[in-house]
Protein backbone atom coordinates (compact mmCIF):
# COMPACT_ATOMS: atom_id res chain seq x y z
CA UNK A 1 15.62 30.45 -12.58
CA UNK A 2 14.34 30.58 -16.14
CA UNK A 3 11.28 28.35 -15.92
CA UNK A 4 8.04 27.93 -17.98
CA UNK A 5 6.28 25.28 -19.29
CA UNK A 6 6.43 24.83 -22.97
CA UNK A 7 3.85 23.96 -25.55
CA UNK A 8 5.15 20.33 -25.48
CA UNK A 9 4.70 20.28 -21.77
CA UNK A 10 1.26 21.74 -22.18
CA UNK A 11 0.22 18.92 -24.59
CA UNK A 12 1.81 16.33 -22.12
CA UNK A 13 -0.32 17.49 -19.27
CA UNK A 14 -3.44 17.75 -21.29
CA UNK A 15 -3.07 14.30 -22.77
CA UNK A 16 -2.50 12.79 -19.29
CA UNK A 17 -5.58 14.51 -17.87
CA UNK A 18 -7.56 12.98 -20.74
CA UNK A 19 -6.24 9.59 -19.98
CA UNK A 20 -6.85 9.90 -16.50
CA UNK A 21 -10.54 10.95 -16.81
CA UNK A 22 -11.36 8.31 -19.19
CA UNK A 23 -9.33 5.34 -17.88
CA UNK A 24 -8.96 5.60 -14.23
CA UNK A 25 -11.31 8.12 -12.54
CA UNK A 26 -14.42 5.85 -13.45
CA UNK A 27 -12.65 2.85 -11.61
CA UNK A 28 -10.49 4.32 -8.90
CA UNK A 29 -13.19 3.53 -5.92
CA UNK A 30 -13.81 0.22 -6.96
CA UNK A 31 -10.22 -0.63 -7.30
CA UNK A 32 -9.73 0.52 -3.99
CA UNK A 33 -12.36 -1.26 -2.20
CA UNK A 34 -11.38 -4.60 -3.99
CA UNK A 35 -7.64 -3.85 -3.00
CA UNK A 36 -6.67 -4.61 -6.68
CA UNK A 37 -6.59 -2.70 -9.87
CA UNK A 38 -7.50 -4.22 -13.13
CA UNK A 39 -4.38 -5.55 -14.65
CA UNK A 40 -5.44 -4.54 -18.04
CA UNK A 41 -4.78 -0.76 -17.14
CA UNK A 42 -0.83 -1.78 -17.86
CA UNK A 43 -1.51 -2.04 -21.52
CA UNK A 44 -3.42 1.00 -21.31
CA UNK A 45 -0.62 2.76 -19.79
CA UNK A 46 1.87 1.34 -22.25
CA UNK A 47 -0.14 2.20 -25.29
CA UNK A 48 -0.22 5.75 -24.28
CA UNK A 49 3.57 5.80 -23.53
CA UNK A 50 3.56 6.31 -19.68
CA UNK A 51 5.38 3.12 -19.07
CA UNK A 52 8.18 4.53 -20.82
CA UNK A 53 7.51 8.29 -19.96
CA UNK A 54 11.12 9.21 -18.73
CA UNK A 55 13.01 6.56 -20.72
CA UNK A 56 15.24 6.95 -23.76
CA UNK A 57 13.58 6.88 -26.93
CA UNK A 58 16.30 4.93 -28.50
CA UNK A 59 15.18 1.90 -26.06
CA UNK A 60 11.38 2.54 -26.56
CA UNK A 61 10.63 5.33 -24.28
CA UNK A 62 9.14 8.73 -24.61
CA UNK A 63 12.40 10.62 -23.63
CA UNK A 64 10.31 13.01 -21.69
CA UNK A 65 12.46 15.52 -19.49
CA UNK A 66 12.04 15.66 -15.80
CA UNK A 67 9.28 18.31 -15.92
CA UNK A 68 6.99 16.34 -18.63
CA UNK A 69 7.54 13.27 -16.30
CA UNK A 70 6.40 15.18 -13.41
CA UNK A 71 3.25 16.50 -15.26
CA UNK A 72 2.24 13.01 -15.99
CA UNK A 73 2.85 11.84 -12.27
CA UNK A 74 0.67 14.63 -11.09
CA UNK A 75 -2.24 13.94 -13.25
CA UNK A 76 -2.17 10.17 -12.25
CA UNK A 77 -1.64 11.15 -8.61
CA UNK A 78 -4.87 13.14 -8.53
CA UNK A 79 -6.96 10.47 -9.81
CA UNK A 80 -5.12 7.36 -8.04
CA UNK A 81 -2.00 7.07 -6.18
CA UNK A 82 -1.98 3.20 -6.79
CA UNK A 83 -1.92 3.84 -10.40
CA UNK A 84 0.95 6.31 -10.17
CA UNK A 85 2.65 3.92 -8.30
CA UNK A 86 2.94 1.63 -11.12
CA UNK A 87 4.45 4.17 -13.33
CA UNK A 88 6.73 5.63 -10.73
CA UNK A 89 8.27 2.21 -9.68
CA UNK A 90 8.45 0.84 -13.59
CA UNK A 91 9.91 4.09 -14.75
CA UNK A 92 11.83 5.65 -11.82
CA UNK A 93 13.17 3.34 -9.35
CA UNK A 94 13.53 0.50 -12.30
CA UNK A 95 13.82 1.86 -15.66
CA UNK A 96 15.82 5.12 -15.23
CA UNK A 97 18.20 3.12 -12.78
CA UNK A 98 18.91 0.41 -15.39
CA UNK A 99 19.48 3.39 -18.13
CA UNK A 100 21.91 4.82 -15.59
CA UNK A 101 23.95 1.93 -14.38
CA UNK A 102 23.35 -0.68 -16.92
CA UNK A 103 25.55 -2.18 -19.49
CA UNK A 104 24.39 -1.88 -23.26
CA UNK A 105 23.22 -5.26 -23.11
CA UNK A 106 21.10 -4.75 -20.21
CA UNK A 107 19.58 -1.85 -21.60
CA UNK A 108 18.48 -3.38 -24.88
CA UNK A 109 17.29 -6.54 -23.02
CA UNK A 110 14.93 -4.68 -20.28
CA UNK A 111 14.49 -1.18 -21.37
CA UNK A 112 12.00 -1.83 -24.33
CA UNK A 113 10.04 -4.45 -22.46
CA UNK A 114 9.66 -2.10 -19.29
CA UNK A 115 8.47 0.59 -21.63
CA UNK A 116 6.04 -1.60 -23.90
CA UNK A 117 4.62 -3.38 -20.74
CA UNK A 118 5.67 -6.60 -21.34
CA UNK A 119 7.99 -6.79 -18.39
CA UNK A 120 7.17 -4.52 -15.41
CA UNK A 121 10.08 -4.24 -12.69
CA UNK A 122 10.27 -3.96 -9.13
CA UNK A 123 12.75 -2.39 -6.75
CA UNK A 124 13.47 -5.09 -4.17
CA UNK A 125 15.40 -3.07 -1.34
CA UNK A 126 13.32 -2.99 2.03
CA UNK A 127 13.56 -6.19 4.32
CA UNK A 128 11.91 -7.11 7.49
CA UNK A 129 14.67 -5.99 9.47
CA UNK A 130 15.85 -2.80 7.24
CA UNK A 131 13.69 -0.32 6.18
CA UNK A 132 15.14 3.15 7.13
CA UNK A 133 18.33 1.67 7.46
CA UNK A 134 18.98 -0.09 3.85
CA UNK A 135 22.94 -0.37 4.77
CA UNK A 136 21.74 -2.95 7.14
CA UNK A 137 20.03 -5.45 4.75
CA UNK A 138 20.81 -8.93 5.25
CA UNK A 139 20.07 -10.75 2.04
CA UNK A 140 23.01 -12.45 0.63
CA UNK A 141 24.48 -13.14 -2.82
CA UNK A 142 27.43 -15.74 -2.81
CA UNK A 143 29.87 -16.10 -5.71
CA UNK A 144 29.85 -19.50 -7.42
CA UNK A 145 32.14 -19.54 -10.36
CA UNK A 146 30.61 -16.95 -13.06
CA UNK A 147 27.24 -17.01 -11.12
CA UNK A 148 25.94 -15.53 -7.86
CA UNK A 149 23.41 -17.52 -5.57
CA UNK A 150 20.86 -15.04 -3.88
CA UNK A 151 19.32 -15.74 -0.51
CA UNK A 152 16.89 -13.44 1.65
CA UNK A 153 13.51 -12.20 1.60
CA UNK A 154 12.20 -8.51 0.60
CA UNK A 155 9.04 -6.91 1.85
CA UNK A 156 6.77 -3.91 0.88
CA UNK A 157 7.68 -4.33 -2.76
CA UNK A 158 5.36 -2.48 -5.11
CA UNK A 159 4.79 -4.57 -8.09
CA UNK A 160 6.41 -7.48 -6.32
CA UNK A 161 3.74 -10.29 -7.68
CA UNK A 162 3.28 -8.39 -11.11
CA UNK A 163 6.88 -7.76 -11.97
CA UNK A 164 9.00 -10.04 -14.41
CA UNK A 165 12.36 -8.65 -13.36
CA UNK A 166 13.48 -7.36 -9.90
CA UNK A 167 16.29 -4.96 -8.80
CA UNK A 168 17.68 -7.19 -6.06
CA UNK A 169 20.11 -5.59 -3.31
CA UNK A 170 22.08 -8.05 -1.79
CA UNK A 171 25.10 -8.20 0.48
CA UNK A 172 28.37 -9.50 -1.25
CA UNK A 173 30.73 -8.14 1.08
CA UNK A 174 31.40 -6.79 4.91
CA UNK A 175 28.72 -5.37 6.79
CA UNK A 176 27.66 -1.80 5.74
CA UNK A 177 26.94 0.34 2.52
CA UNK A 178 30.17 -0.77 0.72
CA UNK A 179 29.23 -4.43 1.02
CA UNK A 180 25.87 -4.18 -0.95
CA UNK A 181 25.57 -5.13 -4.76
CA UNK A 182 22.46 -4.60 -7.04
CA UNK A 183 21.41 -7.53 -9.23
CA UNK A 184 18.65 -7.86 -12.29
CA UNK A 185 16.93 -10.88 -11.28
CA UNK A 186 14.11 -12.10 -13.66
CA UNK A 187 10.91 -13.29 -11.37
CA UNK A 188 10.64 -16.66 -13.11
CA UNK A 189 13.99 -17.74 -11.94
CA UNK A 190 14.22 -21.04 -9.75
CA UNK A 191 14.17 -20.23 -6.01
CA UNK A 192 12.23 -16.90 -6.69
CA UNK A 193 8.69 -16.49 -5.22
CA UNK A 194 6.31 -13.73 -4.18
CA UNK A 195 2.98 -13.41 -2.18
CA UNK A 196 0.88 -10.25 -2.34
CA UNK A 197 0.34 -8.24 0.75
CA UNK A 198 -3.45 -7.24 1.50
CA UNK A 199 -4.77 -5.03 4.28
CA UNK A 200 -3.04 -1.85 3.67
CA UNK A 201 -4.46 1.40 4.96
CA UNK A 202 -3.67 3.14 1.67
CA UNK A 203 -2.43 2.53 -1.72
CA UNK A 204 -4.71 -0.32 -1.35
CA UNK A 205 -5.30 -1.24 -5.23
CA UNK A 206 -1.36 -1.24 -5.81
CA UNK A 207 0.24 -4.62 -5.99
CA UNK A 208 2.41 -5.11 -3.14
CA UNK A 209 4.39 -7.95 -2.16
CA UNK A 210 6.79 -10.01 -0.12
CA UNK A 211 9.59 -11.75 -1.93
CA UNK A 212 11.55 -14.69 -1.34
CA UNK A 213 15.10 -15.84 -2.58
CA UNK A 214 15.93 -19.36 -1.82
CA UNK A 215 19.15 -20.12 -3.65
CA UNK A 216 18.53 -18.05 -6.62
CA UNK A 217 21.16 -18.43 -9.42
CA UNK A 218 21.95 -15.61 -11.70
CA UNK A 219 24.81 -14.84 -13.97
CA UNK A 220 27.60 -12.19 -13.14
CA UNK A 221 26.16 -10.44 -16.41
CA UNK A 222 23.14 -9.84 -14.43
CA UNK A 223 24.89 -7.55 -11.76
CA UNK A 224 23.93 -3.79 -12.20
CA UNK A 225 26.71 -1.76 -11.41
CA UNK A 226 30.18 -2.48 -10.04
CA UNK A 227 30.67 -5.09 -7.15
CA UNK A 228 29.93 -3.03 -3.83
CA UNK A 229 28.06 -0.13 -5.79
CA UNK A 230 24.72 -1.39 -4.78
CA UNK A 231 23.92 1.14 -2.29
CA UNK A 232 24.91 4.04 -4.77
CA UNK A 233 22.44 2.27 -7.17
CA UNK A 234 19.91 2.19 -4.60
CA UNK A 235 20.24 5.92 -3.67
CA UNK A 236 20.13 7.36 -6.99
CA UNK A 237 17.12 5.22 -7.67
CA UNK A 238 15.37 6.54 -4.78
CA UNK A 239 16.22 10.16 -5.88
CA UNK A 240 14.10 9.34 -9.21
CA UNK A 241 11.30 7.52 -7.10
CA UNK A 242 11.06 10.68 -4.48
CA UNK A 243 10.17 13.30 -7.19
CA UNK A 244 7.64 11.08 -8.95
CA UNK A 245 6.06 10.70 -5.49
CA UNK A 246 6.25 14.30 -4.90
CA UNK A 247 4.59 15.05 -8.07
CA UNK A 248 1.80 12.57 -7.08
CA UNK A 249 1.32 14.39 -3.86
CA UNK A 250 0.65 17.56 -5.88
CA UNK A 251 -1.78 15.66 -7.41
CA UNK A 252 -3.62 14.70 -4.36
CA UNK A 253 -3.49 18.10 -3.26
CA UNK A 254 -4.96 19.48 -6.51
CA UNK A 255 -7.61 17.00 -6.29
CA UNK A 256 -8.32 17.90 -2.45
CA UNK A 257 -8.63 21.47 -3.40
CA UNK A 258 -10.85 21.04 -6.53
CA UNK A 259 -13.24 18.88 -4.64
CA UNK A 260 -13.39 21.24 -1.74
CA UNK A 261 -14.00 24.38 -3.99
CA UNK A 262 -17.00 22.77 -5.80
CA UNK A 263 -18.62 21.04 -2.41
CA UNK A 264 -18.31 24.59 -0.47
CA UNK A 265 -19.97 26.43 -3.07
CA UNK A 266 -22.64 23.73 -3.42
CA UNK A 267 -23.19 22.88 0.26
CA UNK A 268 -25.50 25.14 2.37
CA UNK A 269 -25.62 25.60 5.85
CA UNK A 270 -27.27 28.25 8.25
CA UNK A 271 -28.99 29.62 5.16
CA UNK A 272 -25.82 30.36 2.90
CA UNK A 273 -23.38 28.32 1.21
CA UNK A 274 -20.52 27.09 3.37
CA UNK A 275 -17.89 28.84 1.26
CA UNK A 276 -18.87 32.20 3.12
CA UNK A 277 -18.10 30.56 6.42
CA UNK A 278 -14.49 31.67 7.32
CA UNK A 279 -13.56 28.38 8.93
CA UNK A 280 -14.24 26.76 5.65
CA UNK A 281 -12.97 29.35 3.21
CA UNK A 282 -9.68 29.56 5.34
CA UNK A 283 -9.08 25.98 5.23
CA UNK A 284 -9.66 26.05 1.32
CA UNK A 285 -7.11 29.12 0.97
CA UNK A 286 -4.42 27.24 2.94
CA UNK A 287 -4.80 24.19 0.63
CA UNK A 288 -4.34 26.53 -2.31
CA UNK A 289 -1.34 27.93 -0.66
CA UNK A 290 0.29 24.71 -0.07
CA UNK A 291 -0.31 23.68 -3.44
CA UNK A 292 1.11 26.56 -5.31
CA UNK A 293 4.11 26.39 -2.99
CA UNK A 294 4.67 22.90 -3.63
CA UNK A 295 4.43 23.26 -7.25
CA UNK A 296 7.07 25.99 -7.29
CA UNK A 297 9.38 23.43 -5.11
CA UNK A 298 8.58 20.57 -7.45
CA UNK A 299 9.19 22.08 -10.45
CA UNK A 300 12.13 23.97 -9.54
CA UNK A 301 13.97 20.58 -8.47
CA UNK A 302 12.77 18.97 -12.03
CA UNK A 303 14.21 22.07 -13.66
CA UNK A 304 17.57 21.62 -11.61
CA UNK A 305 17.78 17.98 -12.59
CA UNK A 306 17.27 18.74 -16.38
CA UNK A 307 19.84 21.33 -16.07
CA UNK A 308 22.35 18.58 -14.63
CA UNK A 309 22.67 20.66 -11.46
CA UNK A 310 23.09 19.39 -7.67
CA UNK A 311 19.86 18.43 -6.35
CA UNK A 312 20.40 16.34 -3.55
CA UNK A 313 19.30 18.82 -0.79
CA UNK A 314 16.49 19.97 -2.97
CA UNK A 315 15.19 16.33 -3.63
CA UNK A 316 14.96 15.80 0.21
CA UNK A 317 13.45 19.07 0.99
CA UNK A 318 10.76 18.51 -1.70
CA UNK A 319 9.80 15.16 -0.81
CA UNK A 320 9.52 16.04 2.85
CA UNK A 321 7.62 19.18 2.22
CA UNK A 322 5.27 17.69 -0.25
CA UNK A 323 4.49 14.62 1.63
CA UNK A 324 3.84 16.17 4.99
CA UNK A 325 1.94 19.43 3.26
CA UNK A 326 -0.73 17.41 1.52
CA UNK A 327 -1.56 15.21 4.49
CA UNK A 328 -2.58 18.29 5.74
CA UNK A 329 -4.54 19.22 2.54
CA UNK A 330 -6.25 15.79 2.75
CA UNK A 331 -7.33 16.28 6.22
CA UNK A 332 -8.55 19.61 5.73
CA UNK A 333 -10.59 18.36 2.66
CA UNK A 334 -11.96 15.69 5.15
CA UNK A 335 -12.99 18.46 7.38
CA UNK A 336 -14.75 20.90 4.81
CA UNK A 337 -16.83 17.76 3.80
CA UNK A 338 -17.54 16.86 7.05
CA UNK A 339 -19.67 13.38 7.06
CA UNK A 340 -19.61 13.37 3.36
CA UNK A 341 -16.11 12.93 3.35
CA UNK A 342 -15.91 10.27 5.69
CA UNK A 343 -17.61 8.23 2.96
CA UNK A 344 -15.97 6.22 0.36
CA UNK A 345 -18.28 7.55 -2.32
CA UNK A 346 -16.65 10.91 -2.21
CA UNK A 347 -13.28 9.79 -2.67
CA UNK A 348 -11.90 11.92 0.12
CA UNK A 349 -11.18 9.42 2.67
CA UNK A 350 -8.92 7.67 0.13
CA UNK A 351 -6.89 10.63 -0.41
CA UNK A 352 -6.25 11.02 3.26
CA UNK A 353 -5.06 7.42 3.30
CA UNK A 354 -2.87 7.66 0.37
CA UNK A 355 -1.34 10.89 1.33
CA UNK A 356 -0.32 9.44 4.87
CA UNK A 357 1.41 6.68 2.97
CA UNK A 358 3.59 9.26 1.18
CA UNK A 359 5.20 10.25 4.55
CA UNK A 360 6.64 6.81 4.81
CA UNK A 361 7.80 5.04 1.70
CA UNK A 362 10.70 6.35 -0.65
CA UNK A 363 12.27 7.51 2.86
CA UNK A 364 10.37 8.67 5.93
CA UNK A 365 10.01 12.34 6.69
CA UNK A 366 12.55 11.69 9.37
CA UNK A 367 14.78 10.45 7.23
CA UNK A 368 14.37 13.16 4.73
CA UNK A 369 15.24 15.78 7.51
CA UNK A 370 18.35 13.51 8.33
CA UNK A 371 19.43 13.95 4.45
CA UNK A 372 18.76 17.50 4.49
CA UNK A 373 20.82 18.17 7.68
CA UNK A 374 23.88 16.34 6.23
CA UNK A 375 23.65 18.32 2.88
CA UNK A 376 23.56 21.61 4.93
CA UNK A 377 26.66 20.48 6.79
CA UNK A 378 24.60 20.32 10.23
């Protein structure tokens, strides 16, 4: 693999790092406590271009390659996984999916609005009875002339109450994956409603909602992809979402490592700094090993995608390894900080909570193992 960061990539990383330090770090803990971030962050993310980070330039995006996009996600993840989730969903799950599957009219209508922050998007796949089994969804779309009538509910939808457009997956045919179709649904449509979900363990500042569709009428022109291709649309979107989640995990790991390295050199016990204690230094070395291994896997995957090479197996392995690894690193960081790490003021406990969430959404660890086994011919 011939891979190295270009000067443009280095500039992207530095720009993201400066933005994070100025606009997110000072507020992240307060947002976590309040279970809500300041909605003004959306305009700031749009102004710097991050809401269109990986979207085509002709539709208002930055046109970043996958490597550049991951660099932005890493910096956001280091500071606040909730903010990283806003960009990941708007760009990875929604924007890139419209860019791939949408008609010219759909791209012109929605991509500039997503990139400018005028209209955030959400990805409405998960239902109360179908999480790891999306092919089992029961929301329905019934033909009515040139329109479709959508009914059902969705749950755990990031940006569910903030979004102005939802990618809604509904059953238009027989049971199973081939009977699903995707629709672009404006959230101000009659019959569409959303309520926020509070009390989450992690990603507390991130808007998460439950959606209700009660006879929502949309024209056939709102269909994204062919009738019956909804499962393919959904899976391609998750591939984009998983790499941004993985990049955010690298950010969590880096944040934990940096915090522990500083703390271990400052904290003294038994007459010496705790970095000299093997039980502490070995944990930090393990964190460094996980971080560098993860970076190699992540940016290899990003490079493969930018080269247009097959990467389904790599995608599953990266999501699995990085989400699991940085749960371990966050727990090690908590142990290194001892009682101090248990306090919200250090920010370590929020990294633990957010890391745990990464093992669940965008496909659980067990689902990633299933996907990897299938691609390995097992």
